[in-house]
């Protein structure tokens, strides 16, 4: 089964929200075929819970991260992941430096979304994780070709020390980009006609 690793700095603010929301979005789209989603921090506060503001902001999106326990990023976490999603360019670059063979599957969230949205859309009868490795390789190929993307807007701001409204803003930003990511990686869910179940045609 495919796996996705989400990373930030302390693994207590951004990445727990992204992990929880992305897991739920993938499971809603793919059911039992959804990739595993985990998180870690480049300076992870080992064993710490998510910040209370992160827990509250995630809860407003319908995501429960109250049981989160932070962990420090280790090379074996990176090697086990099919995709590494960084909250900021510094985290992506740290992964590439520490585990060079993983550089081709390490992206910032915003970077990867822009890359896959520049590729032909997934052509499948239903959403599927089967093409995930190929999508990641295609995104990396496009990046290596010189795709500029949004290199000056790659980071999701760290809200640590900010008021709870900042965490809410970050949570909604992560939701928007994660939804776009899921569409781009596995395909859009089939739309349900508005007259479904009414007997109308």
N, C-alpha and C. Protein backbone atom coordinates (compact mmCIF):
# COMPACT_ATOMS: atom_id res chain seq x y z
N UNK A 1 0.84 -1.20 0.00
CA UNK A 1 0.00 0.00 0.00
C UNK A 1 0.88 1.25 0.00
N UNK A 2 0.48 2.24 -0.78
CA UNK A 2 1.25 3.48 -0.86
C UNK A 2 1.21 4.21 0.48
N UNK A 3 2.22 5.06 0.70
CA UNK A 3 2.26 5.83 1.95
C UNK A 3 2.73 7.25 1.67
N UNK A 4 2.19 8.18 2.44
CA UNK A 4 2.51 9.60 2.32
C UNK A 4 3.00 10.10 3.68
N UNK A 5 4.10 10.81 3.68
CA UNK A 5 4.67 11.38 4.90
C UNK A 5 4.58 12.89 4.81
N UNK A 6 3.95 13.52 5.80
CA UNK A 6 3.81 14.98 5.86
C UNK A 6 4.79 15.49 6.90
N UNK A 7 5.57 16.51 6.55
CA UNK A 7 6.57 17.00 7.50
C UNK A 7 6.51 18.51 7.66
N UNK A 8 6.81 18.95 8.88
CA UNK A 8 7.02 20.37 9.17
C UNK A 8 8.18 20.45 10.15
N UNK A 9 8.20 21.42 11.01
CA UNK A 9 9.34 21.58 11.92
C UNK A 9 9.14 20.79 13.21
N UNK A 10 8.15 21.19 14.01
CA UNK A 10 7.96 20.55 15.31
C UNK A 10 6.99 19.39 15.31
N UNK A 11 6.23 19.22 14.21
CA UNK A 11 5.20 18.17 14.12
C UNK A 11 4.11 18.37 15.18
N UNK A 12 3.82 19.65 15.46
CA UNK A 12 2.77 19.94 16.43
C UNK A 12 1.75 20.97 15.93
N UNK A 13 2.03 21.62 14.80
CA UNK A 13 1.12 22.65 14.30
C UNK A 13 0.57 22.30 12.93
N UNK A 14 1.39 22.49 11.89
CA UNK A 14 0.92 22.31 10.52
C UNK A 14 0.75 20.86 10.11
N UNK A 15 1.79 20.06 10.29
CA UNK A 15 1.73 18.69 9.75
C UNK A 15 0.66 17.82 10.40
N UNK A 16 0.34 17.97 11.70
CA UNK A 16 -0.76 17.16 12.23
C UNK A 16 -2.10 17.49 11.57
N UNK A 17 -2.35 18.77 11.30
CA UNK A 17 -3.60 19.16 10.62
C UNK A 17 -3.61 18.59 9.22
N UNK A 18 -2.50 18.76 8.50
CA UNK A 18 -2.43 18.26 7.12
C UNK A 18 -2.56 16.75 7.09
N UNK A 19 -1.89 16.07 8.00
CA UNK A 19 -1.98 14.60 8.06
C UNK A 19 -3.42 14.15 8.27
N UNK A 20 -4.08 14.74 9.27
CA UNK A 20 -5.45 14.33 9.58
C UNK A 20 -6.41 14.63 8.46
N UNK A 21 -6.31 15.82 7.89
CA UNK A 21 -7.25 16.18 6.83
C UNK A 21 -7.00 15.35 5.58
N UNK A 22 -5.73 15.20 5.20
CA UNK A 22 -5.41 14.45 3.99
C UNK A 22 -5.82 12.99 4.11
N UNK A 23 -5.60 12.40 5.29
CA UNK A 23 -6.01 11.01 5.49
C UNK A 23 -7.52 10.87 5.29
N UNK A 24 -8.28 11.79 5.89
CA UNK A 24 -9.73 11.72 5.75
C UNK A 24 -10.19 11.92 4.32
N UNK A 25 -9.55 12.85 3.61
CA UNK A 25 -9.94 13.12 2.23
C UNK A 25 -9.64 11.93 1.33
N UNK A 26 -8.50 11.29 1.54
CA UNK A 26 -8.15 10.13 0.74
C UNK A 26 -9.05 8.93 1.06
N UNK A 27 -9.36 8.75 2.33
CA UNK A 27 -10.24 7.64 2.70
C UNK A 27 -11.65 7.85 2.16
N UNK A 28 -12.11 9.10 2.15
CA UNK A 28 -13.43 9.39 1.60
C UNK A 28 -13.47 9.11 0.10
N UNK A 29 -12.35 9.34 -0.57
CA UNK A 29 -12.29 9.14 -2.02
C UNK A 29 -12.01 7.68 -2.39
N UNK A 30 -11.15 7.00 -1.60
CA UNK A 30 -10.65 5.69 -2.01
C UNK A 30 -11.02 4.54 -1.08
N UNK A 31 -11.62 4.85 0.06
CA UNK A 31 -11.97 3.80 0.99
C UNK A 31 -10.75 3.06 1.50
N UNK A 32 -10.83 1.72 1.50
CA UNK A 32 -9.75 0.90 2.01
C UNK A 32 -8.50 0.91 1.16
N UNK A 33 -8.58 1.48 -0.05
CA UNK A 33 -7.41 1.56 -0.92
C UNK A 33 -6.59 2.83 -0.68
N UNK A 34 -7.02 3.66 0.24
CA UNK A 34 -6.34 4.94 0.47
C UNK A 34 -4.91 4.72 0.97
N UNK A 35 -3.97 5.54 0.50
CA UNK A 35 -2.60 5.46 1.02
C UNK A 35 -2.57 5.74 2.52
N UNK A 36 -1.59 5.16 3.18
CA UNK A 36 -1.36 5.47 4.58
C UNK A 36 -0.78 6.88 4.67
N UNK A 37 -1.18 7.63 5.68
CA UNK A 37 -0.66 8.99 5.86
C UNK A 37 -0.11 9.12 7.27
N UNK A 38 1.11 9.62 7.39
CA UNK A 38 1.76 9.83 8.68
C UNK A 38 2.46 11.18 8.64
N UNK A 39 3.01 11.61 9.77
CA UNK A 39 3.71 12.89 9.81
C UNK A 39 4.90 12.83 10.76
N UNK A 40 5.78 13.81 10.61
CA UNK A 40 6.96 13.92 11.46
C UNK A 40 7.48 15.35 11.35
N UNK A 41 8.45 15.69 12.19
CA UNK A 41 9.02 17.03 12.17
C UNK A 41 10.52 17.00 12.11
N UNK A 42 11.10 17.93 11.36
CA UNK A 42 12.56 17.97 11.24
C UNK A 42 13.23 18.27 12.58
N UNK A 43 12.48 18.92 13.47
CA UNK A 43 12.94 19.12 14.84
C UNK A 43 11.81 18.70 15.77
N UNK A 44 11.24 17.55 15.46
CA UNK A 44 10.01 17.09 16.11
C UNK A 44 10.09 17.08 17.62
N UNK A 45 9.03 17.56 18.24
CA UNK A 45 8.92 17.56 19.69
C UNK A 45 8.44 16.18 20.12
N UNK A 46 9.33 15.22 20.14
CA UNK A 46 9.02 13.81 20.32
C UNK A 46 8.02 13.57 21.44
N UNK A 47 6.89 12.96 21.07
CA UNK A 47 5.87 12.58 22.05
C UNK A 47 4.89 13.67 22.42
N UNK A 48 5.12 14.90 21.99
CA UNK A 48 4.21 16.00 22.33
C UNK A 48 2.91 15.88 21.53
N UNK A 49 1.84 16.36 22.13
CA UNK A 49 0.58 16.43 21.41
C UNK A 49 0.57 17.61 20.46
N UNK A 50 -0.39 17.63 19.57
CA UNK A 50 -0.56 18.80 18.71
C UNK A 50 -0.92 20.01 19.57
N UNK A 51 -0.54 21.19 19.11
CA UNK A 51 -0.89 22.40 19.84
C UNK A 51 -2.41 22.49 20.00
N UNK A 52 -2.89 22.96 21.14
CA UNK A 52 -4.34 23.06 21.33
C UNK A 52 -5.04 23.85 20.23
N UNK A 53 -4.37 24.88 19.73
CA UNK A 53 -4.96 25.67 18.65
C UNK A 53 -5.09 24.84 17.37
N UNK A 54 -4.11 23.96 17.12
CA UNK A 54 -4.20 23.09 15.96
C UNK A 54 -5.34 22.10 16.12
N UNK A 55 -5.48 21.55 17.31
CA UNK A 55 -6.56 20.61 17.58
C UNK A 55 -7.92 21.29 17.34
N UNK A 56 -8.06 22.52 17.85
CA UNK A 56 -9.32 23.25 17.68
C UNK A 56 -9.59 23.58 16.22
N UNK A 57 -8.56 24.03 15.51
CA UNK A 57 -8.74 24.39 14.10
C UNK A 57 -9.08 23.16 13.27
N UNK A 58 -8.43 22.04 13.55
CA UNK A 58 -8.72 20.80 12.81
C UNK A 58 -10.13 20.33 13.10
N UNK A 59 -10.54 20.45 14.35
CA UNK A 59 -11.89 20.01 14.73
C UNK A 59 -12.95 20.76 13.95
N UNK A 60 -12.70 22.04 13.69
CA UNK A 60 -13.66 22.83 12.92
C UNK A 60 -13.78 22.34 11.48
N UNK A 61 -12.78 21.59 11.02
CA UNK A 61 -12.84 20.98 9.69
C UNK A 61 -13.33 19.54 9.76
N UNK A 62 -13.74 19.11 10.94
CA UNK A 62 -14.23 17.75 11.11
C UNK A 62 -13.13 16.72 11.28
N UNK A 63 -11.94 17.15 11.69
CA UNK A 63 -10.79 16.26 11.83
C UNK A 63 -10.36 16.21 13.29
N UNK A 64 -10.22 15.01 13.84
CA UNK A 64 -9.82 14.83 15.23
C UNK A 64 -8.33 14.50 15.28
N UNK A 65 -7.51 15.43 15.77
CA UNK A 65 -6.08 15.16 15.94
C UNK A 65 -5.70 15.22 17.41
N UNK A 66 -6.69 15.04 18.28
CA UNK A 66 -6.44 15.16 19.72
C UNK A 66 -5.50 14.06 20.23
N UNK A 67 -5.40 12.95 19.53
CA UNK A 67 -4.52 11.86 19.96
C UNK A 67 -3.15 11.89 19.31
N UNK A 68 -2.84 12.96 18.59
CA UNK A 68 -1.56 13.04 17.88
C UNK A 68 -0.38 13.04 18.84
N UNK A 69 0.68 12.33 18.46
CA UNK A 69 1.94 12.34 19.21
C UNK A 69 3.07 12.67 18.23
N UNK A 70 3.76 13.75 18.48
CA UNK A 70 4.81 14.20 17.56
C UNK A 70 5.99 13.23 17.55
N UNK A 71 6.68 13.20 16.42
CA UNK A 71 7.90 12.40 16.32
C UNK A 71 8.92 13.16 15.47
N UNK A 72 10.17 12.88 15.75
CA UNK A 72 11.26 13.52 15.00
C UNK A 72 11.50 12.75 13.72
N UNK A 73 11.67 13.47 12.62
CA UNK A 73 11.90 12.85 11.33
C UNK A 73 13.21 12.07 11.33
N UNK A 74 13.14 10.84 10.84
CA UNK A 74 14.32 9.99 10.72
C UNK A 74 14.43 9.49 9.28
N UNK A 75 15.63 9.18 8.83
CA UNK A 75 15.82 8.71 7.45
C UNK A 75 14.92 7.54 7.09
N UNK A 76 14.68 6.63 8.05
CA UNK A 76 13.85 5.47 7.74
C UNK A 76 12.41 5.86 7.45
N UNK A 77 11.92 6.96 8.06
CA UNK A 77 10.58 7.44 7.74
C UNK A 77 10.51 7.88 6.28
N UNK A 78 11.54 8.58 5.85
CA UNK A 78 11.58 9.07 4.47
C UNK A 78 11.68 7.91 3.49
N UNK A 79 12.56 6.96 3.78
CA UNK A 79 12.76 5.84 2.87
C UNK A 79 11.49 5.00 2.72
N UNK A 80 10.67 4.95 3.74
CA UNK A 80 9.45 4.13 3.70
C UNK A 80 8.30 4.81 2.97
N UNK A 81 8.44 6.10 2.68
CA UNK A 81 7.33 6.87 2.09
C UNK A 81 7.43 6.92 0.57
N UNK A 82 6.28 6.77 -0.07
CA UNK A 82 6.22 6.92 -1.53
C UNK A 82 6.18 8.40 -1.92
N UNK A 83 5.72 9.23 -1.00
CA UNK A 83 5.63 10.67 -1.23
C UNK A 83 5.91 11.40 0.06
N UNK A 84 6.78 12.40 0.01
CA UNK A 84 7.05 13.24 1.18
C UNK A 84 6.51 14.63 0.87
N UNK A 85 5.58 15.08 1.68
CA UNK A 85 4.93 16.38 1.51
C UNK A 85 5.43 17.33 2.58
N UNK A 86 6.15 18.35 2.20
CA UNK A 86 6.72 19.31 3.14
C UNK A 86 5.83 20.55 3.26
N UNK A 87 5.78 21.09 4.44
CA UNK A 87 5.02 22.31 4.65
C UNK A 87 5.79 23.54 4.18
N UNK A 88 7.11 23.41 4.03
CA UNK A 88 7.93 24.54 3.57
C UNK A 88 9.13 24.01 2.79
N UNK A 89 9.70 24.88 1.96
CA UNK A 89 10.83 24.48 1.13
C UNK A 89 12.01 24.01 1.95
N UNK A 90 12.21 24.60 3.12
CA UNK A 90 13.35 24.19 3.95
C UNK A 90 13.23 22.73 4.37
N UNK A 91 11.99 22.26 4.60
CA UNK A 91 11.80 20.86 4.99
C UNK A 91 12.06 19.93 3.81
N UNK A 92 11.56 20.29 2.64
CA UNK A 92 11.83 19.50 1.43
C UNK A 92 13.33 19.40 1.18
N UNK A 93 14.03 20.52 1.29
CA UNK A 93 15.47 20.55 1.01
C UNK A 93 16.24 19.74 2.05
N UNK A 94 15.76 19.75 3.28
CA UNK A 94 16.42 18.96 4.33
C UNK A 94 16.28 17.47 4.04
N UNK A 95 15.11 17.06 3.56
CA UNK A 95 14.91 15.66 3.18
C UNK A 95 15.86 15.28 2.05
N UNK A 96 15.95 16.13 1.03
CA UNK A 96 16.81 15.84 -0.11
C UNK A 96 18.28 15.75 0.29
N UNK A 97 18.67 16.54 1.28
CA UNK A 97 20.06 16.51 1.76
C UNK A 97 20.31 15.26 2.59
N UNK A 98 19.36 14.91 3.45
CA UNK A 98 19.56 13.78 4.36
C UNK A 98 19.40 12.43 3.66
N UNK A 99 18.47 12.36 2.70
CA UNK A 99 18.19 11.10 1.99
C UNK A 99 18.15 11.42 0.50
N UNK A 100 19.31 11.57 -0.15
CA UNK A 100 19.35 12.04 -1.54
C UNK A 100 18.49 11.22 -2.49
N UNK A 101 18.37 9.92 -2.25
CA UNK A 101 17.58 9.08 -3.16
C UNK A 101 16.09 9.38 -3.09
N UNK A 102 15.67 10.15 -2.07
CA UNK A 102 14.26 10.51 -1.93
C UNK A 102 13.93 11.87 -2.52
N UNK A 103 14.93 12.57 -3.07
CA UNK A 103 14.70 13.93 -3.56
C UNK A 103 13.61 13.98 -4.61
N UNK A 104 13.51 12.96 -5.44
CA UNK A 104 12.53 12.96 -6.51
C UNK A 104 11.10 12.76 -6.07
N UNK A 105 10.90 12.38 -4.82
CA UNK A 105 9.55 12.20 -4.31
C UNK A 105 9.25 13.11 -3.10
N UNK A 106 10.07 14.14 -2.96
CA UNK A 106 9.88 15.13 -1.89
C UNK A 106 9.49 16.47 -2.51
N UNK A 107 8.38 17.01 -2.08
CA UNK A 107 7.84 18.26 -2.62
C UNK A 107 7.23 19.07 -1.48
N UNK A 108 7.14 20.37 -1.67
CA UNK A 108 6.23 21.10 -0.79
C UNK A 108 4.81 20.81 -1.28
N UNK A 109 3.85 20.96 -0.39
CA UNK A 109 2.45 20.72 -0.75
C UNK A 109 2.03 21.59 -1.93
N UNK A 110 2.34 22.87 -1.84
CA UNK A 110 1.92 23.79 -2.90
C UNK A 110 2.66 23.49 -4.21
N UNK A 111 3.93 23.16 -4.10
CA UNK A 111 4.71 22.84 -5.29
C UNK A 111 4.10 21.66 -6.03
N UNK A 112 3.79 20.59 -5.29
CA UNK A 112 3.26 19.39 -5.94
C UNK A 112 1.90 19.64 -6.56
N UNK A 113 1.06 20.40 -5.87
CA UNK A 113 -0.25 20.70 -6.45
C UNK A 113 -0.10 21.43 -7.77
N UNK A 114 0.76 22.43 -7.81
CA UNK A 114 0.94 23.19 -9.05
C UNK A 114 1.52 22.31 -10.16
N UNK A 115 2.40 21.41 -9.80
CA UNK A 115 2.98 20.51 -10.79
C UNK A 115 1.92 19.57 -11.36
N UNK A 116 1.17 18.90 -10.50
CA UNK A 116 0.21 17.92 -11.01
C UNK A 116 -0.95 18.59 -11.73
N UNK A 117 -1.26 19.83 -11.36
CA UNK A 117 -2.32 20.53 -12.08
C UNK A 117 -1.85 20.99 -13.46
N UNK A 118 -0.55 20.92 -13.70
CA UNK A 118 -0.01 21.24 -15.01
C UNK A 118 0.14 20.00 -15.88
N UNK A 119 -0.12 18.83 -15.30
CA UNK A 119 -0.08 17.58 -16.04
C UNK A 119 -1.48 17.26 -16.58
N UNK A 120 -1.58 16.38 -17.57
CA UNK A 120 -2.90 15.94 -18.00
C UNK A 120 -3.64 15.33 -16.81
N UNK A 121 -4.95 15.55 -16.68
CA UNK A 121 -5.68 15.00 -15.54
C UNK A 121 -5.71 13.48 -15.56
N UNK A 122 -5.92 12.91 -14.38
CA UNK A 122 -6.03 11.46 -14.26
C UNK A 122 -7.22 10.99 -15.09
N UNK A 123 -6.98 10.00 -15.94
CA UNK A 123 -8.04 9.41 -16.75
C UNK A 123 -8.36 8.03 -16.19
N UNK A 124 -9.43 7.93 -15.44
CA UNK A 124 -9.82 6.66 -14.84
C UNK A 124 -11.33 6.66 -14.63
N UNK A 125 -11.90 5.45 -14.68
CA UNK A 125 -13.35 5.33 -14.48
C UNK A 125 -13.75 5.73 -13.07
N UNK A 126 -12.82 5.53 -12.14
CA UNK A 126 -13.09 5.92 -10.74
C UNK A 126 -11.76 6.30 -10.10
N UNK A 127 -11.79 7.10 -9.03
CA UNK A 127 -10.54 7.46 -8.36
C UNK A 127 -9.79 6.21 -7.90
N UNK A 128 -8.48 6.23 -8.04
CA UNK A 128 -7.66 5.08 -7.68
C UNK A 128 -6.27 5.54 -7.27
N UNK A 129 -5.66 4.79 -6.34
CA UNK A 129 -4.29 5.08 -5.92
C UNK A 129 -3.27 4.34 -6.75
N UNK A 130 -3.72 3.52 -7.71
CA UNK A 130 -2.80 2.69 -8.48
C UNK A 130 -1.78 3.53 -9.25
N UNK A 131 -2.20 4.67 -9.76
CA UNK A 131 -1.30 5.49 -10.56
C UNK A 131 -0.48 6.49 -9.77
N UNK A 132 -0.54 6.40 -8.45
CA UNK A 132 0.16 7.38 -7.61
C UNK A 132 1.66 7.46 -7.90
N UNK A 133 2.39 6.35 -7.94
CA UNK A 133 3.84 6.46 -8.23
C UNK A 133 4.12 7.12 -9.57
N UNK A 134 3.32 6.80 -10.58
CA UNK A 134 3.54 7.40 -11.90
C UNK A 134 3.27 8.89 -11.87
N UNK A 135 2.24 9.33 -11.13
CA UNK A 135 1.95 10.76 -11.03
C UNK A 135 3.09 11.50 -10.35
N UNK A 136 3.66 10.89 -9.32
CA UNK A 136 4.76 11.52 -8.59
C UNK A 136 5.99 11.63 -9.50
N UNK A 137 6.27 10.56 -10.27
CA UNK A 137 7.41 10.61 -11.19
C UNK A 137 7.20 11.67 -12.26
N UNK A 138 5.97 11.77 -12.78
CA UNK A 138 5.68 12.77 -13.81
C UNK A 138 5.84 14.18 -13.26
N UNK A 139 5.41 14.38 -12.00
CA UNK A 139 5.57 15.69 -11.38
C UNK A 139 7.04 16.04 -11.21
N UNK A 140 7.84 15.05 -10.82
CA UNK A 140 9.27 15.30 -10.66
C UNK A 140 9.93 15.58 -12.00
N UNK A 141 9.52 14.83 -13.03
CA UNK A 141 10.07 15.08 -14.37
C UNK A 141 9.77 16.51 -14.82
N UNK A 142 8.55 16.96 -14.56
CA UNK A 142 8.17 18.32 -14.93
C UNK A 142 8.99 19.34 -14.14
N UNK A 143 9.19 19.07 -12.87
CA UNK A 143 10.01 19.97 -12.04
C UNK A 143 11.44 20.05 -12.58
N UNK A 144 12.01 18.91 -12.94
CA UNK A 144 13.38 18.88 -13.44
C UNK A 144 13.51 19.56 -14.81
N UNK A 145 12.39 19.64 -15.51
CA UNK A 145 12.42 20.28 -16.84
C UNK A 145 12.51 21.80 -16.76
N UNK A 146 12.35 22.34 -15.52
CA UNK A 146 12.45 23.78 -15.34
C UNK A 146 11.13 24.47 -15.07
N UNK A 147 10.08 23.68 -14.79
CA UNK A 147 8.78 24.27 -14.46
C UNK A 147 8.93 25.26 -13.31
N UNK A 148 8.53 26.49 -13.54
CA UNK A 148 8.75 27.55 -12.54
C UNK A 148 7.76 27.45 -11.40
N UNK A 149 6.48 27.15 -11.70
CA UNK A 149 5.47 27.04 -10.66
C UNK A 149 5.34 28.30 -9.85
N UNK A 150 5.26 28.14 -8.53
CA UNK A 150 5.14 29.29 -7.63
C UNK A 150 6.27 29.31 -6.64
N UNK A 151 7.49 29.37 -7.14
CA UNK A 151 8.65 29.20 -6.27
C UNK A 151 8.73 30.26 -5.17
N UNK A 152 8.00 31.37 -5.32
CA UNK A 152 8.01 32.39 -4.27
C UNK A 152 6.82 32.25 -3.32
N UNK A 153 6.05 31.20 -3.53
CA UNK A 153 4.91 30.91 -2.64
C UNK A 153 4.82 29.40 -2.44
N UNK A 154 5.83 28.84 -1.81
CA UNK A 154 5.87 27.40 -1.57
C UNK A 154 5.49 27.02 -0.16
N UNK A 155 5.62 27.95 0.78
CA UNK A 155 5.49 27.60 2.19
C UNK A 155 4.09 27.81 2.74
N UNK A 156 3.73 26.95 3.68
CA UNK A 156 2.58 27.19 4.55
C UNK A 156 3.15 27.77 5.84
N UNK A 157 2.71 28.96 6.20
CA UNK A 157 3.29 29.68 7.33
C UNK A 157 3.14 28.90 8.64
N UNK A 158 4.18 28.91 9.45
CA UNK A 158 4.14 28.28 10.76
C UNK A 158 3.37 29.19 11.72
N UNK A 159 2.24 28.70 12.27
CA UNK A 159 1.45 29.57 13.15
C UNK A 159 1.86 29.53 14.61
N UNK A 160 2.94 28.80 14.94
CA UNK A 160 3.35 28.67 16.33
C UNK A 160 3.50 30.04 16.98
N UNK A 161 2.86 30.23 18.12
CA UNK A 161 2.92 31.49 18.84
C UNK A 161 1.90 32.53 18.39
N UNK A 162 1.14 32.22 17.35
CA UNK A 162 0.13 33.14 16.84
C UNK A 162 -1.23 32.84 17.47
N UNK A 163 -2.19 33.76 17.37
CA UNK A 163 -3.52 33.52 17.93
C UNK A 163 -4.25 32.42 17.18
N UNK A 164 -5.31 31.92 17.79
CA UNK A 164 -6.04 30.78 17.23
C UNK A 164 -6.61 31.09 15.85
N UNK A 165 -6.93 32.34 15.57
CA UNK A 165 -7.44 32.67 14.23
C UNK A 165 -6.40 32.38 13.15
N UNK A 166 -5.12 32.53 13.48
CA UNK A 166 -4.07 32.20 12.52
C UNK A 166 -4.06 30.71 12.23
N UNK A 167 -4.26 29.91 13.25
CA UNK A 167 -4.34 28.46 13.07
C UNK A 167 -5.55 28.11 12.19
N UNK A 168 -6.65 28.80 12.41
CA UNK A 168 -7.83 28.54 11.57
C UNK A 168 -7.52 28.84 10.11
N UNK A 169 -6.84 29.96 9.87
CA UNK A 169 -6.49 30.31 8.51
C UNK A 169 -5.58 29.28 7.87
N UNK A 170 -4.60 28.79 8.64
CA UNK A 170 -3.69 27.76 8.13
C UNK A 170 -4.46 26.48 7.85
N UNK A 171 -5.37 26.11 8.74
CA UNK A 171 -6.16 24.88 8.55
C UNK A 171 -6.96 24.95 7.26
N UNK A 172 -7.60 26.08 7.00
CA UNK A 172 -8.38 26.23 5.77
C UNK A 172 -7.48 26.23 4.54
N UNK A 173 -6.29 26.82 4.67
CA UNK A 173 -5.34 26.78 3.56
C UNK A 173 -4.92 25.34 3.26
N UNK A 174 -4.64 24.58 4.31
CA UNK A 174 -4.26 23.18 4.14
C UNK A 174 -5.40 22.37 3.53
N UNK A 175 -6.62 22.67 3.93
CA UNK A 175 -7.78 21.98 3.35
C UNK A 175 -7.86 22.23 1.86
N UNK A 176 -7.76 23.50 1.45
CA UNK A 176 -7.87 23.84 0.03
C UNK A 176 -6.80 23.13 -0.79
N UNK A 177 -5.55 23.21 -0.35
CA UNK A 177 -4.46 22.61 -1.12
C UNK A 177 -4.53 21.09 -1.08
N UNK A 178 -4.96 20.51 0.03
CA UNK A 178 -5.08 19.05 0.13
C UNK A 178 -6.18 18.53 -0.78
N UNK A 179 -7.29 19.25 -0.85
CA UNK A 179 -8.37 18.83 -1.76
C UNK A 179 -7.88 18.84 -3.20
N UNK A 180 -7.16 19.87 -3.57
CA UNK A 180 -6.61 19.94 -4.93
C UNK A 180 -5.60 18.82 -5.17
N UNK A 181 -4.81 18.51 -4.14
CA UNK A 181 -3.83 17.44 -4.26
C UNK A 181 -4.51 16.10 -4.53
N UNK A 182 -5.54 15.80 -3.77
CA UNK A 182 -6.23 14.53 -3.94
C UNK A 182 -6.83 14.43 -5.34
N UNK A 183 -7.45 15.50 -5.81
CA UNK A 183 -7.99 15.51 -7.18
C UNK A 183 -6.90 15.22 -8.20
N UNK A 184 -5.75 15.85 -8.02
CA UNK A 184 -4.67 15.72 -8.99
C UNK A 184 -3.95 14.38 -8.94
N UNK A 185 -3.90 13.77 -7.77
CA UNK A 185 -3.17 12.51 -7.63
C UNK A 185 -4.00 11.29 -8.01
N UNK A 186 -5.26 11.26 -7.58
CA UNK A 186 -6.05 10.04 -7.77
C UNK A 186 -7.27 10.23 -8.64
N UNK A 187 -7.57 11.46 -9.03
CA UNK A 187 -8.74 11.71 -9.86
C UNK A 187 -9.90 12.24 -9.06
N UNK A 188 -10.74 12.98 -9.73
CA UNK A 188 -11.91 13.56 -9.08
C UNK A 188 -12.97 12.50 -8.83
N UNK A 189 -13.72 12.68 -7.75
CA UNK A 189 -14.84 11.79 -7.48
C UNK A 189 -15.94 12.07 -8.50
N UNK A 190 -16.65 11.03 -8.89
CA UNK A 190 -17.76 11.21 -9.82
C UNK A 190 -18.82 12.08 -9.18
N UNK A 191 -19.34 13.04 -9.94
CA UNK A 191 -20.38 13.91 -9.41
C UNK A 191 -21.71 13.18 -9.41
N UNK A 192 -22.53 13.48 -8.41
CA UNK A 192 -23.84 12.85 -8.29
C UNK A 192 -24.86 13.81 -8.83
N UNK A 193 -25.67 13.41 -9.81
CA UNK A 193 -26.67 14.31 -10.36
C UNK A 193 -27.60 14.85 -9.28
N UNK A 194 -28.01 16.12 -9.42
CA UNK A 194 -28.84 16.74 -8.40
C UNK A 194 -30.20 16.06 -8.27
N UNK A 195 -30.65 15.31 -9.30
CA UNK A 195 -31.94 14.65 -9.21
C UNK A 195 -31.81 13.18 -8.84
N UNK A 196 -30.61 12.77 -8.40
CA UNK A 196 -30.41 11.38 -8.04
C UNK A 196 -31.35 10.98 -6.90
N UNK A 197 -31.97 9.85 -7.04
CA UNK A 197 -32.85 9.35 -5.99
C UNK A 197 -34.23 9.94 -6.01
N UNK A 198 -34.52 10.86 -6.92
CA UNK A 198 -35.85 11.47 -6.93
C UNK A 198 -36.76 10.83 -7.95
N UNK A 199 -36.19 9.99 -8.83
CA UNK A 199 -36.98 9.39 -9.88
C UNK A 199 -37.10 10.26 -11.10
N UNK A 200 -36.53 11.48 -11.00
CA UNK A 200 -36.59 12.41 -12.16
C UNK A 200 -35.49 12.06 -13.14
N UNK A 201 -35.68 12.42 -14.38
CA UNK A 201 -34.68 12.20 -15.41
C UNK A 201 -34.44 13.48 -16.16
